[in-house]
């Protein structure tokens, strides 16, 4: 029987995680290791300054006490699995909110998939875009399109092969539409996110300043061929982007060689 390892960055009790469990349960044996609390925007961080505790919630379901998604994957692969008994796939999500453009570098959800492919396991990160400020979550939102998409992608991988080479993962973003309104899947590049400066300054009761970083509205630079993740989601497509961890800017190597000699 195939085996899927699941994590997220919203915490072990997040609605998106439980929607993911529901979607993948028919396909494989599941092991869930998720942060004990919300770790959104923690990036690909590994905890090195304190011990980590993996607390069993129920059979094959654990929460990592103050751990990140990277911790969850790293610790579970080295303690719940053996070299001869590795998961066939890692899925990180379903994230509550988008992970498009350069936001991927902040994303704990994407980081869970990054750590998996570093450890040699095929991986998918999946996020549910909310264009209504998460108001849908208050009205019984059921992640229907996200569940259908991740089930189909995972089934295709488990029954065939992972479509990418080593150290590469799939980043999936789901538009906020009914499943019947989806136009299909579009393979996309990572978009160019426009960032604002939303920081709220306040005073505590002792008149000391503190700051709260606000959520930036989804804004992006239009791509030449309308083929980025933002544009696909806006057009009611599921966005699937191939991502790799090699950050080298190959187009700049020759120019940099000339510059350094100048």
Protein backbone atom coordinates (compact mmCIF):
# COMPACT_ATOMS: atom_id res chain seq x y z
CA UNK A 1 0.00 0.00 0.00
CA UNK A 2 1.23 3.49 -0.85
CA UNK A 3 2.10 5.89 1.98
CA UNK A 4 1.66 9.68 2.10
CA UNK A 5 3.20 11.96 4.73
CA UNK A 6 1.16 15.12 5.38
CA UNK A 7 2.05 18.42 7.03
CA UNK A 8 0.97 22.07 6.94
CA UNK A 9 1.85 25.44 8.46
CA UNK A 10 -1.56 26.46 9.86
CA UNK A 11 -1.43 23.96 12.70
CA UNK A 12 -2.66 20.45 13.42
CA UNK A 13 -6.27 21.58 13.95
CA UNK A 14 -6.60 23.70 10.80
CA UNK A 15 -9.61 23.07 8.56
CA UNK A 16 -7.44 22.85 5.45
CA UNK A 17 -5.33 20.06 6.92
CA UNK A 18 -8.40 18.01 7.78
CA UNK A 19 -9.84 18.59 4.30
CA UNK A 20 -6.55 17.24 2.90
CA UNK A 21 -6.73 14.17 5.13
CA UNK A 22 -10.28 13.51 3.92
CA UNK A 23 -9.24 13.84 0.28
CA UNK A 24 -6.20 11.54 0.49
CA UNK A 25 -7.51 8.85 2.86
CA UNK A 26 -8.95 6.73 0.00
CA UNK A 27 -5.61 6.67 -1.82
CA UNK A 28 -2.99 5.57 0.68
CA UNK A 29 -1.93 5.05 4.25
CA UNK A 30 -1.50 8.48 5.83
CA UNK A 31 0.87 9.77 8.47
CA UNK A 32 0.20 13.32 9.65
CA UNK A 33 2.82 15.42 11.42
CA UNK A 34 1.83 19.08 11.74
CA UNK A 35 2.85 22.06 13.89
CA UNK A 36 1.13 22.38 17.27
CA UNK A 37 0.28 26.00 16.46
CA UNK A 38 0.09 28.31 13.47
CA UNK A 39 3.47 28.72 11.78
CA UNK A 40 2.42 30.72 8.72
CA UNK A 41 5.21 32.58 6.90
CA UNK A 42 7.94 30.77 8.84
CA UNK A 43 9.73 29.91 5.59
CA UNK A 44 12.14 27.00 5.34
CA UNK A 45 13.21 27.30 8.97
CA UNK A 46 14.65 24.48 11.04
CA UNK A 47 14.62 24.66 14.85
CA UNK A 48 18.14 24.33 16.26
CA UNK A 49 17.99 26.23 19.55
CA UNK A 50 15.64 24.00 21.55
CA UNK A 51 14.39 20.40 21.70
CA UNK A 52 11.33 19.32 19.74
CA UNK A 53 8.55 17.06 21.00
CA UNK A 54 6.31 15.05 18.72
CA UNK A 55 3.01 14.54 20.55
CA UNK A 56 0.71 11.75 19.45
CA UNK A 57 -2.89 12.88 18.87
CA UNK A 58 -4.13 9.52 17.63
CA UNK A 59 -2.88 6.68 15.45
CA UNK A 60 -0.54 8.05 12.76
CA UNK A 61 -1.35 11.67 13.71
CA UNK A 62 1.16 13.83 15.59
CA UNK A 63 1.62 17.48 16.46
CA UNK A 64 5.11 18.95 16.72
CA UNK A 65 5.35 21.12 19.83
CA UNK A 66 6.36 24.58 18.55
CA UNK A 67 7.85 22.99 15.46
CA UNK A 68 7.87 24.32 11.90
CA UNK A 69 6.71 22.38 8.82
CA UNK A 70 10.40 21.78 8.03
CA UNK A 71 10.87 20.32 11.51
CA UNK A 72 7.81 18.12 11.00
CA UNK A 73 9.18 16.60 7.81
CA UNK A 74 12.78 16.32 8.97
CA UNK A 75 12.01 14.75 12.35
CA UNK A 76 9.29 12.40 11.11
CA UNK A 77 11.35 11.07 8.21
CA UNK A 78 14.19 10.30 10.59
CA UNK A 79 12.09 8.80 13.39
CA UNK A 80 8.77 7.47 12.09
CA UNK A 81 10.23 6.00 8.92
CA UNK A 82 13.23 3.90 7.96
CA UNK A 83 15.41 3.90 4.86
CA UNK A 84 13.47 0.87 3.65
CA UNK A 85 10.08 2.31 4.55
CA UNK A 86 9.89 5.83 3.22
CA UNK A 87 6.70 7.67 2.21
CA UNK A 88 5.91 7.65 -1.48
CA UNK A 89 4.73 11.26 -1.42
CA UNK A 90 4.64 14.30 0.87
CA UNK A 91 1.73 16.75 0.64
CA UNK A 92 1.83 20.05 2.51
CA UNK A 93 -1.43 21.98 2.99
CA UNK A 94 -4.20 22.71 2.30
CA UNK A 95 -2.95 26.17 3.23
CA UNK A 96 -5.49 28.77 4.30
CA UNK A 97 -4.53 31.51 1.85
CA UNK A 98 -2.53 31.76 -1.35
CA UNK A 99 1.15 30.96 -1.90
CA UNK A 100 1.93 32.60 -5.24
CA UNK A 101 4.79 34.67 -6.58
CA UNK A 102 7.66 35.40 -4.23
CA UNK A 103 5.41 34.57 -1.28
CA UNK A 104 6.69 31.03 -1.79
CA UNK A 105 9.92 32.12 -0.08
CA UNK A 106 7.95 33.07 3.06
CA UNK A 107 5.65 30.06 2.96
CA UNK A 108 5.82 27.34 5.60
CA UNK A 109 3.52 25.30 3.36
CA UNK A 110 5.97 25.41 0.46
CA UNK A 111 8.81 24.77 2.93
CA UNK A 112 7.26 21.44 3.93
CA UNK A 113 7.48 20.37 0.29
CA UNK A 114 10.99 21.81 -0.03
CA UNK A 115 12.25 19.73 2.87
CA UNK A 116 10.66 16.61 1.44
CA UNK A 117 12.39 16.93 -1.93
CA UNK A 118 15.71 17.69 -0.19
CA UNK A 119 15.20 14.34 1.56
CA UNK A 120 14.48 12.62 -1.77
CA UNK A 121 10.67 12.38 -1.44
CA UNK A 122 8.34 13.71 -4.19
CA UNK A 123 6.22 16.56 -2.85
CA UNK A 124 3.30 18.89 -3.47
CA UNK A 125 2.37 22.08 -1.65
CA UNK A 126 -1.25 23.16 -2.06
CA UNK A 127 -2.97 26.39 -1.05
CA UNK A 128 -6.54 27.67 -1.15
CA UNK A 129 -6.71 31.27 -2.37
CA UNK A 130 -9.18 33.47 -0.49
CA UNK A 131 -10.12 36.72 -2.20
CA UNK A 132 -12.73 37.61 0.40
CA UNK A 133 -10.51 37.97 3.45
CA UNK A 134 -11.24 34.41 4.64
CA UNK A 135 -14.96 35.20 5.02
CA UNK A 136 -15.75 31.93 3.24
CA UNK A 137 -14.32 29.98 6.19
CA UNK A 138 -17.17 31.31 8.34
CA UNK A 139 -19.85 29.94 6.01
CA UNK A 140 -19.01 26.23 6.02
CA UNK A 141 -16.38 26.32 3.27
CA UNK A 142 -15.53 22.72 2.33
CA UNK A 143 -12.45 22.97 0.04
CA UNK A 144 -14.30 20.96 -2.63
CA UNK A 145 -12.14 22.04 -5.58
CA UNK A 146 -8.91 21.77 -3.58
CA UNK A 147 -9.78 18.25 -2.40
CA UNK A 148 -10.70 17.12 -5.90
CA UNK A 149 -7.48 18.58 -7.34
CA UNK A 150 -5.08 17.13 -4.78
CA UNK A 151 -6.74 13.74 -4.97
CA UNK A 152 -6.34 13.62 -8.76
CA UNK A 153 -2.72 14.86 -8.71
CA UNK A 154 -1.70 12.48 -5.92
CA UNK A 155 -3.41 9.52 -7.58
CA UNK A 156 -1.59 10.26 -10.83
CA UNK A 157 1.76 10.35 -9.00
CA UNK A 158 1.13 7.23 -6.89
CA UNK A 159 -0.05 5.21 -9.89
CA UNK A 160 2.64 6.51 -12.23
CA UNK A 161 5.63 8.67 -11.53
CA UNK A 162 6.51 12.11 -10.24
CA UNK A 163 6.85 14.45 -13.25
CA UNK A 164 9.85 16.41 -11.94
CA UNK A 165 13.52 15.66 -11.34
CA UNK A 166 15.09 15.59 -7.87
CA UNK A 167 14.90 18.66 -5.61
CA UNK A 168 11.85 19.99 -7.44
CA UNK A 169 8.26 20.16 -6.19
CA UNK A 170 4.79 21.14 -7.38
CA UNK A 171 3.19 24.28 -5.97
CA UNK A 172 -0.60 24.33 -6.40
CA UNK A 173 -3.00 27.24 -5.87
CA UNK A 174 -6.78 26.83 -5.93
CA UNK A 175 -9.13 29.68 -7.00
CA UNK A 176 -12.05 30.61 -4.76
CA UNK A 177 -14.79 29.23 -7.00
CA UNK A 178 -17.26 26.38 -7.13
CA UNK A 179 -15.81 23.17 -8.53
CA UNK A 180 -18.10 23.42 -11.56
CA UNK A 181 -16.78 26.89 -12.33
CA UNK A 182 -13.18 25.75 -12.64
CA UNK A 183 -11.80 25.92 -16.19
CA UNK A 184 -9.20 23.24 -15.52
CA UNK A 185 -5.53 23.09 -14.58
CA UNK A 186 -2.99 25.52 -16.01
CA UNK A 187 0.77 24.97 -15.75
CA UNK A 188 2.22 28.28 -14.69
CA UNK A 189 5.39 30.13 -13.83
CA UNK A 190 5.87 31.93 -10.54
CA UNK A 191 4.51 35.46 -10.79
CA UNK A 192 6.01 38.81 -9.82
CA UNK A 193 4.27 39.90 -6.61
CA UNK A 194 3.85 43.58 -5.81
CA UNK A 195 4.46 44.28 -2.13
CA UNK A 196 3.11 47.12 -0.05
CA UNK A 197 4.17 48.48 3.30
CA UNK A 198 1.34 47.45 5.59
CA UNK A 199 2.72 47.69 9.10
CA UNK A 200 0.51 48.85 11.96
CA UNK A 201 2.18 50.75 14.79
CA UNK A 202 0.51 50.73 18.21
CA UNK A 203 1.26 51.57 21.82
CA UNK A 204 0.97 49.06 24.62
CA UNK A 205 -0.47 50.06 28.05
CA UNK A 206 3.04 51.17 29.11
CA UNK A 207 3.35 53.51 26.11
CA UNK A 208 5.90 51.31 24.35
CA UNK A 209 5.64 50.94 20.60
CA UNK A 210 4.93 47.62 18.95
CA UNK A 211 4.27 46.68 15.35
CA UNK A 212 1.89 44.29 13.62
CA UNK A 213 2.56 43.26 10.03
CA UNK A 214 -0.66 43.31 8.02
CA UNK A 215 -1.77 41.13 5.11
CA UNK A 216 -0.88 42.53 1.70
CA UNK A 217 -3.58 42.57 -1.00
CA UNK A 218 -2.94 40.25 -3.94
CA UNK A 219 -1.27 42.47 -6.52
CA UNK A 220 1.15 41.43 -9.23
CA UNK A 221 3.05 42.52 -12.33
CA UNK A 222 1.33 41.37 -15.49
CA UNK A 223 3.31 38.67 -17.30
CA UNK A 224 3.98 38.88 -21.03
CA UNK A 225 2.05 35.73 -21.93
CA UNK A 226 -0.50 35.82 -19.10
CA UNK A 227 1.02 32.57 -17.85
CA UNK A 228 1.84 33.20 -14.19
CA UNK A 229 0.15 31.71 -11.14
CA UNK A 230 -1.73 34.92 -10.23
CA UNK A 231 -3.25 35.26 -13.68
CA UNK A 232 -4.30 31.61 -13.88
CA UNK A 233 -6.12 31.78 -10.55
CA UNK A 234 -7.79 35.08 -11.51
CA UNK A 235 -9.05 33.40 -14.70
CA UNK A 236 -10.56 30.53 -12.63
CA UNK A 237 -7.89 27.94 -13.35
CA UNK A 238 -6.05 25.81 -10.83
CA UNK A 239 -2.41 26.91 -10.96
CA UNK A 240 0.30 24.23 -10.88
CA UNK A 241 3.87 25.54 -10.87
CA UNK A 242 7.05 23.45 -11.01
CA UNK A 243 9.53 24.82 -8.44
CA UNK A 244 13.18 24.06 -7.78
CA UNK A 245 15.51 24.91 -4.93
CA UNK A 246 18.50 25.97 -7.03
CA UNK A 247 18.48 29.78 -6.63
CA UNK A 248 21.34 30.37 -9.05
CA UNK A 249 20.66 33.12 -11.61
CA UNK A 250 22.31 31.33 -14.53
CA UNK A 251 21.68 34.18 -16.99
CA UNK A 252 23.88 36.44 -14.87
CA UNK A 253 26.93 34.21 -14.47
CA UNK A 254 28.83 35.46 -17.55
CA UNK A 255 27.95 39.10 -16.86
CA UNK A 256 29.12 38.73 -13.27
CA UNK A 257 32.41 37.20 -14.40
CA UNK A 258 32.99 40.25 -16.60
CA UNK A 259 31.93 42.64 -13.82
CA UNK A 260 34.23 41.12 -11.20
CA UNK A 261 37.24 41.48 -13.52
CA UNK A 262 36.44 45.10 -14.36
